[in-house]
Amino acid sequence: MTITLPEELLLLAYHDETGRNKSSFIDYGLAGAVLMELVLAERLDLVDKRVNVVNATPLGDPILDECLARIGADKRRKAQHWVTKLTKLRPRLLETLEAKGIIRHRQDRVLGLLPFNRYLPVDGRTEEATLVAALTRMVDAGSATDARLASLGSLVYAIGIEHVVFPDRKRSAVRKTLKGISAGDWASSATIAAIQAAQAAIAAAVTASTVAATSSGG
């Protein structure tokens, strides 16, 4: 069964035992993952940090196709615009993963009162373990030969969930390696530039969100 780059990132961000999201910036990451997926599918490119539709042919995935149509119907905008506008995808992506039988939804209550949702891996499913194993091999090698895996690694780096994906490794060392891999030679120069632009857009959105939260808290 094929899962998309946003779905892969979502799997990595949710803790297997608690079923809860471990990233404060997952929604920016998912939006950036959509851009990256569409770049890898040769539907988008990014020139001068602006997103351009080069092929409007649908991919057959409802979420990706809706995002592609939305981008195509608008004027050419910077990647950061779409990273902040496409931030309501998580519920639908969770529903998709549940429909595919990869995760299961369970509702619990805090102190028996306040409801909250858990999204837990379905017993016997190996998608996340396969992703982590592939990412581990890439980090150990310090380089990538697969564009999708390199893109996923750049997303892990952008939203800062390397401690979730690699809980037994030194976080600073993993971040340094992922940063180096993102700058590597694992696809065409145009694809790498577009992926890096999307990653930078996520980082900018994360920084802006952090600054806003700090200012409001002060």
Protein backbone atom coordinates (compact mmCIF):
# COMPACT_ATOMS: atom_id res chain seq x y z
CA MET A 1 0.00 0.00 0.00
CA THR A 2 1.35 3.39 -0.99
CA ILE A 3 1.37 6.20 1.54
CA THR A 4 2.23 9.80 0.79
CA LEU A 5 5.02 11.93 2.23
CA PRO A 6 2.60 13.86 4.50
CA GLU A 7 1.20 10.57 5.78
CA GLU A 8 4.72 9.28 6.47
CA LEU A 9 5.59 12.41 8.45
CA LEU A 10 2.37 12.11 10.45
CA LEU A 11 3.19 8.50 11.35
CA LEU A 12 6.60 9.55 12.62
CA ALA A 13 5.26 12.47 14.66
CA TYR A 14 2.72 10.42 16.63
CA HIS A 15 4.06 8.45 19.60
CA ASP A 16 3.41 4.72 19.27
CA GLU A 17 2.50 4.18 22.92
CA THR A 18 0.57 7.35 23.78
CA GLY A 19 -0.98 7.89 20.36
CA ARG A 20 -0.38 11.62 20.71
CA ASN A 21 1.35 14.11 18.44
CA LYS A 22 4.89 14.95 19.61
CA SER A 23 5.53 17.99 17.41
CA SER A 24 4.29 21.52 18.05
CA PHE A 25 4.83 22.30 14.38
CA ILE A 26 3.40 19.23 12.68
CA ASP A 27 0.83 21.23 10.69
CA TYR A 28 3.52 23.34 9.05
CA GLY A 29 5.43 20.16 8.36
CA LEU A 30 2.45 18.51 6.71
CA ALA A 31 1.88 21.53 4.48
CA GLY A 32 5.54 21.50 3.49
CA ALA A 33 5.34 17.75 2.90
CA VAL A 34 2.51 18.33 0.43
CA LEU A 35 4.68 20.80 -1.48
CA MET A 36 7.58 18.34 -1.47
CA GLU A 37 5.37 15.47 -2.64
CA LEU A 38 4.07 17.60 -5.52
CA VAL A 39 7.61 18.62 -6.42
CA LEU A 40 8.74 14.98 -6.47
CA ALA A 41 5.71 14.15 -8.63
CA GLU A 42 6.80 16.88 -11.06
CA ARG A 43 3.63 18.88 -10.51
CA LEU A 44 5.32 21.88 -8.88
CA ASP A 45 8.60 23.68 -8.96
CA LEU A 46 9.85 26.56 -6.85
CA VAL A 47 11.57 29.45 -8.57
CA ASP A 48 12.77 32.46 -6.58
CA LYS A 49 10.97 30.92 -3.57
CA ARG A 50 7.65 31.06 -5.45
CA VAL A 51 5.55 27.98 -6.13
CA ASN A 52 4.73 27.29 -9.76
CA VAL A 53 2.42 24.59 -11.15
CA VAL A 54 4.17 22.89 -14.07
CA ASN A 55 1.69 20.03 -14.51
CA ALA A 56 -1.90 20.22 -13.27
CA THR A 57 -2.68 16.54 -13.93
CA PRO A 58 -4.23 14.99 -10.78
CA LEU A 59 -2.30 12.29 -8.97
CA GLY A 60 -5.33 10.36 -7.78
CA ASP A 61 -4.89 11.30 -4.12
CA PRO A 62 -7.77 13.56 -2.96
CA ILE A 63 -5.73 15.67 -0.55
CA LEU A 64 -2.76 16.19 -2.87
CA ASP A 65 -5.05 16.90 -5.82
CA GLU A 66 -7.09 19.47 -3.90
CA CYS A 67 -3.90 21.24 -2.80
CA LEU A 68 -2.55 21.19 -6.35
CA ALA A 69 -5.79 22.69 -7.69
CA ARG A 70 -5.80 25.34 -4.97
CA ILE A 71 -2.23 26.36 -5.74
CA GLY A 72 -2.92 26.41 -9.47
CA ALA A 73 -6.00 28.62 -9.07
CA ASP A 74 -4.04 31.29 -7.22
CA LYS A 75 -1.29 33.62 -8.34
CA ARG A 76 2.31 32.52 -7.88
CA ARG A 77 3.06 32.83 -4.20
CA LYS A 78 6.03 32.12 -1.98
CA ALA A 79 6.38 28.69 -0.45
CA GLN A 80 5.92 30.11 3.04
CA HIS A 81 2.46 31.35 2.07
CA TRP A 82 1.34 27.80 1.31
CA VAL A 83 3.08 26.35 4.36
CA THR A 84 0.91 28.65 6.50
CA LYS A 85 -2.27 28.27 4.43
CA LEU A 86 -2.33 24.48 4.07
CA THR A 87 -2.32 23.84 7.81
CA LYS A 88 -5.70 22.16 8.24
CA LEU A 89 -4.79 18.86 6.63
CA ARG A 90 -4.07 16.80 9.73
CA PRO A 91 -7.62 15.55 10.50
CA ARG A 92 -8.11 14.32 6.94
CA LEU A 93 -4.67 12.72 6.83
CA LEU A 94 -5.38 10.90 10.09
CA GLU A 95 -8.69 9.70 8.65
CA THR A 96 -6.88 8.48 5.54
CA LEU A 97 -4.32 6.55 7.58
CA GLU A 98 -7.15 5.03 9.61
CA ALA A 99 -9.04 4.09 6.43
CA LYS A 100 -5.88 2.39 5.15
CA GLY A 101 -5.75 0.32 8.33
CA ILE A 102 -2.42 1.78 9.45
CA ILE A 103 -3.60 3.55 12.62
CA ARG A 104 -6.67 3.27 14.86
CA HIS A 105 -8.48 6.09 16.60
CA ARG A 106 -9.32 5.86 20.29
CA GLN A 107 -10.97 8.55 22.39
CA ASP A 108 -10.04 8.80 26.07
CA ARG A 109 -10.84 11.29 28.81
CA VAL A 110 -8.55 13.25 31.12
CA LEU A 111 -9.62 12.56 34.72
CA GLY A 112 -12.70 10.98 33.23
CA LEU A 113 -13.96 14.34 32.00
CA LEU A 114 -12.16 16.08 29.15
CA PRO A 115 -12.08 14.05 25.90
CA PHE A 116 -8.92 13.70 23.87
CA ASN A 117 -7.93 11.61 20.89
CA ARG A 118 -5.28 8.95 20.50
CA TYR A 119 -4.08 7.58 17.16
CA LEU A 120 -2.29 4.31 17.71
CA PRO A 121 -0.58 1.96 15.26
CA VAL A 122 -2.60 -1.07 14.25
CA ASP A 123 -1.06 -4.26 15.58
CA GLY A 124 1.15 -5.92 13.03
CA ARG A 125 1.48 -2.89 10.76
CA THR A 126 5.11 -2.18 9.85
CA GLU A 127 4.97 1.08 7.88
CA GLU A 128 6.47 3.27 10.60
CA ALA A 129 9.11 0.71 11.57
CA THR A 130 10.11 0.45 7.90
CA LEU A 131 10.41 4.24 7.66
CA VAL A 132 12.51 4.50 10.83
CA ALA A 133 14.79 1.70 9.65
CA ALA A 134 15.33 3.42 6.30
CA LEU A 135 15.97 6.78 7.97
CA THR A 136 18.40 5.12 10.37
CA ARG A 137 20.37 3.61 7.49
CA MET A 138 20.47 7.00 5.79
CA VAL A 139 21.69 8.76 8.93
CA ASP A 140 24.31 6.06 9.52
CA ALA A 141 25.53 6.47 5.94
CA GLY A 142 25.51 10.26 6.25
CA SER A 143 24.12 10.59 2.73
CA ALA A 144 21.07 9.74 0.64
CA THR A 145 20.46 8.21 -2.75
CA ASP A 146 16.66 8.26 -2.55
CA ALA A 147 14.88 11.59 -3.08
CA ARG A 148 11.77 10.67 -1.09
CA LEU A 149 13.77 9.49 1.90
CA ALA A 150 15.98 12.58 1.79
CA SER A 151 12.85 14.72 1.65
CA LEU A 152 11.39 12.91 4.65
CA GLY A 153 14.64 13.45 6.53
CA SER A 154 14.51 17.16 5.73
CA LEU A 155 10.97 17.28 7.14
CA VAL A 156 12.05 15.52 10.33
CA TYR A 157 14.77 18.15 10.65
CA ALA A 158 12.47 21.09 9.82
CA ILE A 159 9.91 20.35 12.54
CA GLY A 160 12.44 19.04 15.05
CA ILE A 161 11.21 15.49 15.69
CA GLU A 162 14.55 13.72 15.42
CA HIS A 163 14.29 12.96 19.18
CA VAL A 164 11.01 11.15 18.45
CA VAL A 165 12.33 9.21 15.47
CA PHE A 166 15.74 8.48 17.03
CA PRO A 167 15.09 8.49 20.82
CA ASP A 168 18.31 6.65 21.63
CA ARG A 169 20.64 8.97 19.72
CA LYS A 170 22.19 12.31 20.54
CA ARG A 171 19.83 14.88 19.10
CA SER A 172 22.46 17.43 18.05
CA ALA A 173 24.42 14.80 16.13
CA VAL A 174 21.32 13.59 14.27
CA ARG A 175 20.32 17.16 13.39
CA LYS A 176 23.80 17.86 12.05
CA THR A 177 23.67 14.74 9.89
CA LEU A 178 20.16 15.46 8.57
CA LYS A 179 21.18 19.01 7.73
CA GLY A 180 24.14 17.72 5.77
CA ILE A 181 22.03 15.17 3.94
CA SER A 182 19.51 17.85 2.94
CA ALA A 183 22.32 19.74 1.23
CA GLY A 184 23.56 16.62 -0.57
CA ASP A 185 23.38 15.45 -4.17
CA TRP A 186 20.45 12.99 -4.14
CA ALA A 187 18.32 14.30 -7.01
CA SER A 188 18.43 16.80 -9.84
CA SER A 189 19.63 20.26 -8.86
CA ALA A 190 16.18 21.72 -9.58
CA THR A 191 14.44 19.15 -7.36
CA ILE A 192 16.91 19.63 -4.53
CA ALA A 193 16.53 23.41 -4.75
CA ALA A 194 12.73 23.10 -4.62
CA ILE A 195 12.82 20.72 -1.65
CA GLN A 196 15.24 23.01 0.17
CA ALA A 197 12.96 25.99 -0.52
CA ALA A 198 10.03 24.10 0.99
CA GLN A 199 12.15 23.13 4.00
CA ALA A 200 13.22 26.76 4.45
CA ALA A 201 9.57 27.83 4.28
CA ILE A 202 8.69 25.41 7.10
CA ALA A 203 11.61 26.73 9.18
CA ALA A 204 10.48 30.32 8.61
CA ALA A 205 6.91 29.47 9.62
CA VAL A 206 8.14 27.67 12.74
CA THR A 207 10.33 30.64 13.70
CA ALA A 208 7.51 33.12 13.16
CA SER A 209 5.14 30.98 15.24
CA THR A 210 7.68 30.67 18.05
CA VAL A 211 8.32 34.41 18.12
CA ALA A 212 4.59 35.15 18.14
CA ALA A 213 4.00 32.72 21.00
CA THR A 214 6.89 34.19 23.00
CA SER A 215 5.66 37.75 22.45
CA SER A 216 2.08 36.93 23.47
CA GLY A 217 3.36 35.10 26.52
CA GLY A 218 5.36 38.10 27.62
